[in-house]
């Protein structure tokens, strides 16, 4: 194993561990709020917006202060939040909605985009305000 690969191993394990946690959390949320046939996918929407809020907060925090451990960003940002908020799950829900309810599918896509961007901006702003105080 090369030195570069050995140095990246902890980060790769952090991404994998975070991915396992995020995937399990999203699956639990979908199990708790199962999507009704042909209806707005509440669980995926909540996961994506909540993940965007947290990711925005982490970005704002890490912009001001470098994390103490090299595995924190890969675990939380890439692994946990990357698997908790999945575009592929949203795309599957939209593909299932589109044939019967195209306006709901389009509205869901638009609402997800706007709410995710707003949540990320809010998280970033809150973290920056807290870090400067």
N, C-alpha and C. Protein backbone atom coordinates (compact mmCIF):
# COMPACT_ATOMS: atom_id res chain seq x y z
N UNK A 1 0.85 -1.17 0.00
CA UNK A 1 0.00 0.00 0.00
C UNK A 1 0.90 1.23 0.00
N UNK A 2 0.58 2.20 -0.84
CA UNK A 2 1.38 3.41 -0.91
C UNK A 2 1.12 4.29 0.31
N UNK A 3 2.03 5.23 0.55
CA UNK A 3 1.86 6.15 1.68
C UNK A 3 0.59 6.97 1.53
N UNK A 4 0.28 7.40 0.29
CA UNK A 4 -0.93 8.19 0.06
C UNK A 4 -2.18 7.39 0.39
N UNK A 5 -2.20 6.12 -0.03
CA UNK A 5 -3.36 5.27 0.27
C UNK A 5 -3.48 5.02 1.76
N UNK A 6 -2.37 4.82 2.43
CA UNK A 6 -2.40 4.60 3.88
C UNK A 6 -2.88 5.85 4.60
N UNK A 7 -2.50 7.03 4.11
CA UNK A 7 -2.95 8.27 4.73
C UNK A 7 -4.43 8.52 4.49
N UNK A 8 -4.96 8.05 3.37
CA UNK A 8 -6.37 8.25 3.06
C UNK A 8 -7.28 7.22 3.72
N UNK A 9 -6.73 6.13 4.20
CA UNK A 9 -7.55 5.06 4.77
C UNK A 9 -8.46 5.54 5.90
N UNK A 10 -7.99 6.33 6.87
CA UNK A 10 -8.92 6.78 7.93
C UNK A 10 -10.07 7.61 7.38
N UNK A 11 -9.79 8.44 6.37
CA UNK A 11 -10.86 9.25 5.78
C UNK A 11 -11.87 8.37 5.04
N UNK A 12 -11.37 7.36 4.34
CA UNK A 12 -12.27 6.45 3.62
C UNK A 12 -13.14 5.67 4.60
N UNK A 13 -12.56 5.21 5.70
CA UNK A 13 -13.34 4.53 6.72
C UNK A 13 -14.36 5.48 7.34
N UNK A 14 -13.98 6.75 7.51
CA UNK A 14 -14.91 7.74 8.06
C UNK A 14 -16.09 7.96 7.12
N UNK A 15 -15.82 8.04 5.81
CA UNK A 15 -16.90 8.19 4.83
C UNK A 15 -17.81 6.96 4.88
N UNK A 16 -17.24 5.78 4.92
CA UNK A 16 -18.04 4.55 4.96
C UNK A 16 -18.89 4.48 6.23
N UNK A 17 -18.29 4.81 7.37
CA UNK A 17 -19.05 4.78 8.63
C UNK A 17 -20.15 5.83 8.62
N UNK A 18 -19.83 7.01 8.16
CA UNK A 18 -20.86 8.05 8.06
C UNK A 18 -21.97 7.66 7.10
N UNK A 19 -21.58 7.03 5.99
CA UNK A 19 -22.59 6.56 5.02
C UNK A 19 -23.52 5.54 5.61
N UNK A 20 -22.98 4.64 6.42
CA UNK A 20 -23.83 3.63 7.06
C UNK A 20 -24.81 4.28 8.03
N UNK A 21 -24.34 5.25 8.80
CA UNK A 21 -25.21 5.94 9.77
C UNK A 21 -26.27 6.75 9.03
N UNK A 22 -25.86 7.50 8.01
CA UNK A 22 -26.82 8.32 7.27
C UNK A 22 -27.87 7.51 6.54
N UNK A 23 -27.45 6.41 5.93
CA UNK A 23 -28.39 5.54 5.23
C UNK A 23 -29.40 4.94 6.21
N UNK A 24 -28.92 4.49 7.35
CA UNK A 24 -29.82 3.93 8.36
C UNK A 24 -30.78 4.99 8.88
N UNK A 25 -30.29 6.20 9.07
CA UNK A 25 -31.17 7.28 9.56
C UNK A 25 -32.25 7.61 8.54
N UNK A 26 -31.86 7.69 7.25
CA UNK A 26 -32.86 7.97 6.22
C UNK A 26 -33.86 6.84 6.11
N UNK A 27 -33.39 5.59 6.16
CA UNK A 27 -34.30 4.45 6.09
C UNK A 27 -35.26 4.46 7.27
N UNK A 28 -34.76 4.82 8.44
CA UNK A 28 -35.63 4.93 9.60
C UNK A 28 -36.68 6.02 9.44
N UNK A 29 -36.28 7.14 8.87
CA UNK A 29 -37.22 8.24 8.64
C UNK A 29 -38.28 7.84 7.62
N UNK A 30 -37.86 7.17 6.55
CA UNK A 30 -38.83 6.71 5.54
C UNK A 30 -39.76 5.66 6.14
N UNK A 31 -39.24 4.80 7.02
CA UNK A 31 -40.09 3.82 7.70
C UNK A 31 -41.08 4.47 8.64
N UNK A 32 -40.67 5.57 9.26
CA UNK A 32 -41.54 6.29 10.19
C UNK A 32 -42.58 7.13 9.45
N UNK A 33 -42.18 7.68 8.30
CA UNK A 33 -43.08 8.48 7.46
C UNK A 33 -43.15 7.85 6.06
N UNK A 34 -43.77 6.68 5.94
CA UNK A 34 -43.77 6.01 4.63
C UNK A 34 -44.49 6.86 3.59
N UNK A 35 -43.95 6.89 2.37
CA UNK A 35 -44.57 7.70 1.33
C UNK A 35 -45.86 7.05 0.81
N UNK A 36 -46.99 7.72 0.94
CA UNK A 36 -48.23 7.19 0.36
C UNK A 36 -48.12 7.15 -1.16
N UNK A 37 -48.77 6.19 -1.76
CA UNK A 37 -48.77 6.04 -3.22
C UNK A 37 -49.25 7.34 -3.88
N UNK A 38 -48.43 7.91 -4.73
CA UNK A 38 -48.82 9.09 -5.50
C UNK A 38 -48.91 10.37 -4.70
N UNK A 39 -48.28 10.43 -3.53
CA UNK A 39 -48.36 11.62 -2.70
C UNK A 39 -46.97 12.24 -2.54
N UNK A 40 -46.93 13.41 -1.96
CA UNK A 40 -45.69 14.13 -1.69
C UNK A 40 -44.78 13.29 -0.81
N UNK A 41 -43.51 13.08 -1.20
CA UNK A 41 -42.58 12.25 -0.42
C UNK A 41 -42.02 13.02 0.79
N UNK A 42 -42.79 13.05 1.86
CA UNK A 42 -42.46 13.86 3.03
C UNK A 42 -41.11 13.47 3.63
N UNK A 43 -40.87 12.19 3.83
CA UNK A 43 -39.64 11.75 4.50
C UNK A 43 -38.39 12.17 3.73
N UNK A 44 -38.39 11.99 2.43
CA UNK A 44 -37.23 12.36 1.61
C UNK A 44 -37.05 13.87 1.62
N UNK A 45 -38.15 14.61 1.56
CA UNK A 45 -38.08 16.07 1.61
C UNK A 45 -37.49 16.53 2.95
N UNK A 46 -37.98 15.95 4.04
CA UNK A 46 -37.47 16.31 5.37
C UNK A 46 -35.99 15.96 5.49
N UNK A 47 -35.60 14.79 5.02
CA UNK A 47 -34.19 14.38 5.09
C UNK A 47 -33.31 15.33 4.29
N UNK A 48 -33.72 15.67 3.09
CA UNK A 48 -32.91 16.55 2.25
C UNK A 48 -32.79 17.96 2.83
N UNK A 49 -33.88 18.51 3.34
CA UNK A 49 -33.84 19.87 3.89
C UNK A 49 -33.06 19.88 5.21
N UNK A 50 -33.30 18.89 6.06
CA UNK A 50 -32.55 18.83 7.33
C UNK A 50 -31.06 18.63 7.07
N UNK A 51 -30.73 17.78 6.12
CA UNK A 51 -29.33 17.56 5.78
C UNK A 51 -28.68 18.81 5.21
N UNK A 52 -29.41 19.55 4.39
CA UNK A 52 -28.88 20.80 3.83
C UNK A 52 -28.64 21.82 4.94
N UNK A 53 -29.54 21.88 5.91
CA UNK A 53 -29.38 22.79 7.04
C UNK A 53 -28.11 22.45 7.83
N UNK A 54 -27.95 21.18 8.15
CA UNK A 54 -26.78 20.75 8.93
C UNK A 54 -25.50 20.93 8.12
N UNK A 55 -25.53 20.58 6.84
CA UNK A 55 -24.35 20.73 6.01
C UNK A 55 -23.97 22.21 5.87
N UNK A 56 -24.95 23.08 5.72
CA UNK A 56 -24.67 24.52 5.69
C UNK A 56 -24.04 24.98 7.00
N UNK A 57 -24.56 24.47 8.11
CA UNK A 57 -24.00 24.82 9.41
C UNK A 57 -22.57 24.34 9.57
N UNK A 58 -22.31 23.12 9.12
CA UNK A 58 -20.94 22.59 9.19
C UNK A 58 -19.99 23.40 8.30
N UNK A 59 -20.45 23.77 7.13
CA UNK A 59 -19.60 24.57 6.23
C UNK A 59 -19.29 25.92 6.85
N UNK A 60 -20.29 26.55 7.44
CA UNK A 60 -20.06 27.83 8.11
C UNK A 60 -19.12 27.71 9.29
N UNK A 61 -19.27 26.64 10.06
CA UNK A 61 -18.41 26.41 11.21
C UNK A 61 -16.98 26.12 10.77
N UNK A 62 -16.84 25.21 9.80
CA UNK A 62 -15.50 24.82 9.37
C UNK A 62 -14.80 25.93 8.59
N UNK A 63 -15.56 26.87 8.06
CA UNK A 63 -14.93 28.00 7.39
C UNK A 63 -14.16 28.86 8.40
N UNK A 64 -14.69 28.95 9.60
CA UNK A 64 -14.06 29.76 10.64
C UNK A 64 -13.02 28.99 11.45
N UNK A 65 -13.24 27.71 11.63
CA UNK A 65 -12.34 26.90 12.46
C UNK A 65 -12.08 25.58 11.76
N UNK A 66 -10.83 25.23 11.61
CA UNK A 66 -10.50 23.93 11.02
C UNK A 66 -10.82 22.85 12.04
N UNK A 67 -11.40 21.74 11.61
CA UNK A 67 -11.71 20.67 12.57
C UNK A 67 -10.43 20.07 13.15
N UNK A 68 -10.52 19.60 14.35
CA UNK A 68 -9.36 19.03 15.01
C UNK A 68 -8.93 17.68 14.46
N UNK A 69 -9.81 17.00 13.78
CA UNK A 69 -9.49 15.66 13.25
C UNK A 69 -9.82 15.62 11.77
N UNK A 70 -8.93 15.02 11.01
CA UNK A 70 -9.09 14.96 9.55
C UNK A 70 -10.28 14.12 9.12
N UNK A 71 -10.84 13.30 10.01
CA UNK A 71 -11.94 12.41 9.61
C UNK A 71 -13.31 13.04 9.86
N UNK A 72 -13.39 14.18 10.56
CA UNK A 72 -14.69 14.77 10.88
C UNK A 72 -15.47 15.19 9.63
N UNK A 73 -14.84 15.95 8.77
CA UNK A 73 -15.53 16.40 7.55
C UNK A 73 -15.93 15.22 6.67
N UNK A 74 -15.03 14.26 6.39
CA UNK A 74 -15.48 13.12 5.58
C UNK A 74 -16.62 12.33 6.22
N UNK A 75 -16.57 12.14 7.54
CA UNK A 75 -17.62 11.38 8.21
C UNK A 75 -18.95 12.10 8.12
N UNK A 76 -18.98 13.37 8.55
CA UNK A 76 -20.26 14.09 8.61
C UNK A 76 -20.73 14.58 7.24
N UNK A 77 -19.88 15.31 6.54
CA UNK A 77 -20.31 15.96 5.30
C UNK A 77 -20.50 14.98 4.15
N UNK A 78 -19.52 14.13 3.92
CA UNK A 78 -19.61 13.23 2.78
C UNK A 78 -20.38 11.97 3.13
N UNK A 79 -20.01 11.32 4.22
CA UNK A 79 -20.63 10.05 4.58
C UNK A 79 -22.04 10.18 5.10
N UNK A 80 -22.18 10.74 6.30
CA UNK A 80 -23.49 10.79 6.96
C UNK A 80 -24.49 11.62 6.18
N UNK A 81 -24.16 12.88 5.90
CA UNK A 81 -25.14 13.74 5.22
C UNK A 81 -25.28 13.40 3.74
N UNK A 82 -24.22 12.91 3.14
CA UNK A 82 -24.31 12.49 1.74
C UNK A 82 -25.24 11.31 1.54
N UNK A 83 -25.26 10.41 2.51
CA UNK A 83 -26.16 9.26 2.38
C UNK A 83 -27.55 9.55 2.94
N UNK A 84 -27.63 10.45 3.92
CA UNK A 84 -28.94 10.82 4.48
C UNK A 84 -29.74 11.61 3.46
N UNK A 85 -29.09 12.53 2.79
CA UNK A 85 -29.74 13.33 1.75
C UNK A 85 -29.33 12.78 0.40
N UNK A 86 -30.21 12.08 -0.23
CA UNK A 86 -29.83 11.46 -1.50
C UNK A 86 -30.68 11.99 -2.63
N UNK A 87 -30.00 12.46 -3.65
CA UNK A 87 -30.70 12.91 -4.85
C UNK A 87 -31.34 11.72 -5.55
N UNK A 88 -30.71 10.56 -5.46
CA UNK A 88 -31.24 9.38 -6.15
C UNK A 88 -32.60 8.97 -5.57
N UNK A 89 -32.76 9.07 -4.26
CA UNK A 89 -34.05 8.73 -3.66
C UNK A 89 -35.12 9.73 -4.09
N UNK A 90 -34.77 11.00 -4.11
CA UNK A 90 -35.71 12.02 -4.60
C UNK A 90 -36.05 11.75 -6.07
N UNK A 91 -35.06 11.42 -6.88
CA UNK A 91 -35.31 11.15 -8.29
C UNK A 91 -36.25 9.96 -8.48
N UNK A 92 -36.08 8.91 -7.67
CA UNK A 92 -37.00 7.77 -7.75
C UNK A 92 -38.42 8.16 -7.37
N UNK A 93 -38.55 8.97 -6.31
CA UNK A 93 -39.88 9.43 -5.91
C UNK A 93 -40.51 10.29 -7.00
N UNK A 94 -39.72 11.16 -7.62
CA UNK A 94 -40.25 12.01 -8.69
C UNK A 94 -40.64 11.18 -9.91
N UNK A 95 -39.84 10.18 -10.23
CA UNK A 95 -40.17 9.31 -11.37
C UNK A 95 -41.46 8.53 -11.12
N UNK A 96 -41.69 8.15 -9.87
CA UNK A 96 -42.93 7.44 -9.54
C UNK A 96 -44.13 8.38 -9.58
N UNK A 97 -43.94 9.63 -9.19
CA UNK A 97 -45.04 10.61 -9.18
C UNK A 97 -45.38 11.13 -10.57
N UNK A 98 -44.38 11.31 -11.41
CA UNK A 98 -44.54 12.03 -12.67
C UNK A 98 -45.63 11.49 -13.61
N UNK A 99 -45.74 10.18 -13.82
CA UNK A 99 -46.75 9.72 -14.78
C UNK A 99 -48.19 10.09 -14.38
N UNK A 100 -48.53 9.94 -13.12
CA UNK A 100 -49.90 10.19 -12.69
C UNK A 100 -50.12 11.63 -12.23
N UNK A 101 -49.08 12.23 -11.67
CA UNK A 101 -49.22 13.58 -11.10
C UNK A 101 -48.00 14.43 -11.44
N UNK A 102 -47.88 14.84 -12.70
CA UNK A 102 -46.68 15.56 -13.13
C UNK A 102 -46.50 16.90 -12.41
N UNK A 103 -47.59 17.58 -12.09
CA UNK A 103 -47.45 18.87 -11.40
C UNK A 103 -46.94 18.67 -9.97
N UNK A 104 -47.36 17.59 -9.32
CA UNK A 104 -46.85 17.31 -7.99
C UNK A 104 -45.36 16.96 -8.05
N UNK A 105 -44.96 16.21 -9.06
CA UNK A 105 -43.54 15.87 -9.21
C UNK A 105 -42.71 17.13 -9.46
N UNK A 106 -43.18 18.01 -10.34
CA UNK A 106 -42.45 19.25 -10.62
C UNK A 106 -42.42 20.14 -9.38
N UNK A 107 -43.54 20.24 -8.68
CA UNK A 107 -43.59 21.06 -7.46
C UNK A 107 -42.69 20.52 -6.37
N UNK A 108 -42.63 19.19 -6.27
CA UNK A 108 -41.75 18.57 -5.27
C UNK A 108 -40.28 18.87 -5.59
N UNK A 109 -39.92 18.77 -6.86
CA UNK A 109 -38.54 19.06 -7.26
C UNK A 109 -38.21 20.52 -6.97
N UNK A 110 -39.09 21.42 -7.32
CA UNK A 110 -38.86 22.85 -7.10
C UNK A 110 -38.81 23.17 -5.60
N UNK A 111 -39.75 22.63 -4.83
CA UNK A 111 -39.77 22.88 -3.38
C UNK A 111 -38.52 22.31 -2.71
N UNK A 112 -38.08 21.14 -3.15
CA UNK A 112 -36.87 20.54 -2.58
C UNK A 112 -35.65 21.41 -2.85
N UNK A 113 -35.54 21.90 -4.07
CA UNK A 113 -34.41 22.75 -4.43
C UNK A 113 -34.41 24.05 -3.61
N UNK A 114 -35.54 24.73 -3.58
CA UNK A 114 -35.62 25.99 -2.84
C UNK A 114 -35.43 25.81 -1.34
N UNK A 115 -36.11 24.82 -0.78
CA UNK A 115 -36.00 24.60 0.67
C UNK A 115 -34.59 24.16 1.04
N UNK A 116 -33.96 23.32 0.23
CA UNK A 116 -32.60 22.88 0.50
C UNK A 116 -31.62 24.04 0.45
N UNK A 117 -31.74 24.90 -0.54
CA UNK A 117 -30.85 26.06 -0.64
C UNK A 117 -31.07 27.02 0.53
N UNK A 118 -32.32 27.25 0.88
CA UNK A 118 -32.61 28.14 2.01
C UNK A 118 -32.10 27.55 3.32
N UNK A 119 -32.28 26.25 3.50
CA UNK A 119 -31.81 25.60 4.72
C UNK A 119 -30.29 25.65 4.82
N UNK A 120 -29.59 25.40 3.71
CA UNK A 120 -28.13 25.46 3.72
C UNK A 120 -27.65 26.87 4.04
N UNK A 121 -28.29 27.86 3.45
CA UNK A 121 -27.91 29.25 3.73
C UNK A 121 -28.18 29.61 5.18
N UNK A 122 -29.31 29.16 5.72
CA UNK A 122 -29.63 29.42 7.12
C UNK A 122 -28.62 28.75 8.04
N UNK A 123 -28.31 27.49 7.79
CA UNK A 123 -27.32 26.78 8.60
C UNK A 123 -25.97 27.46 8.57
N UNK A 124 -25.53 27.86 7.38
CA UNK A 124 -24.25 28.56 7.24
C UNK A 124 -24.27 29.86 8.01
N UNK A 125 -25.35 30.63 7.87
CA UNK A 125 -25.45 31.92 8.55
C UNK A 125 -25.46 31.75 10.07
N UNK A 126 -26.20 30.79 10.57
CA UNK A 126 -26.25 30.55 12.01
C UNK A 126 -24.89 30.12 12.55
N UNK A 127 -24.21 29.27 11.83
CA UNK A 127 -22.89 28.80 12.27
C UNK A 127 -21.88 29.95 12.26
N UNK A 128 -21.93 30.76 11.23
CA UNK A 128 -21.00 31.90 11.14
C UNK A 128 -21.27 32.89 12.27
N UNK A 129 -22.53 33.13 12.57
CA UNK A 129 -22.88 34.06 13.65
C UNK A 129 -22.41 33.50 15.00
N UNK A 130 -22.61 32.19 15.20
CA UNK A 130 -22.18 31.56 16.44
C UNK A 130 -20.68 31.48 16.58
N UNK A 131 -19.97 31.30 15.46
CA UNK A 131 -18.52 31.18 15.49
C UNK A 131 -17.84 32.52 15.73
N UNK A 132 -18.51 33.61 15.35
CA UNK A 132 -17.87 34.92 15.49
C UNK A 132 -18.14 35.52 16.88
N UNK A 133 -19.06 34.93 17.61
CA UNK A 133 -19.44 35.51 18.89
C UNK A 133 -18.67 35.05 20.05
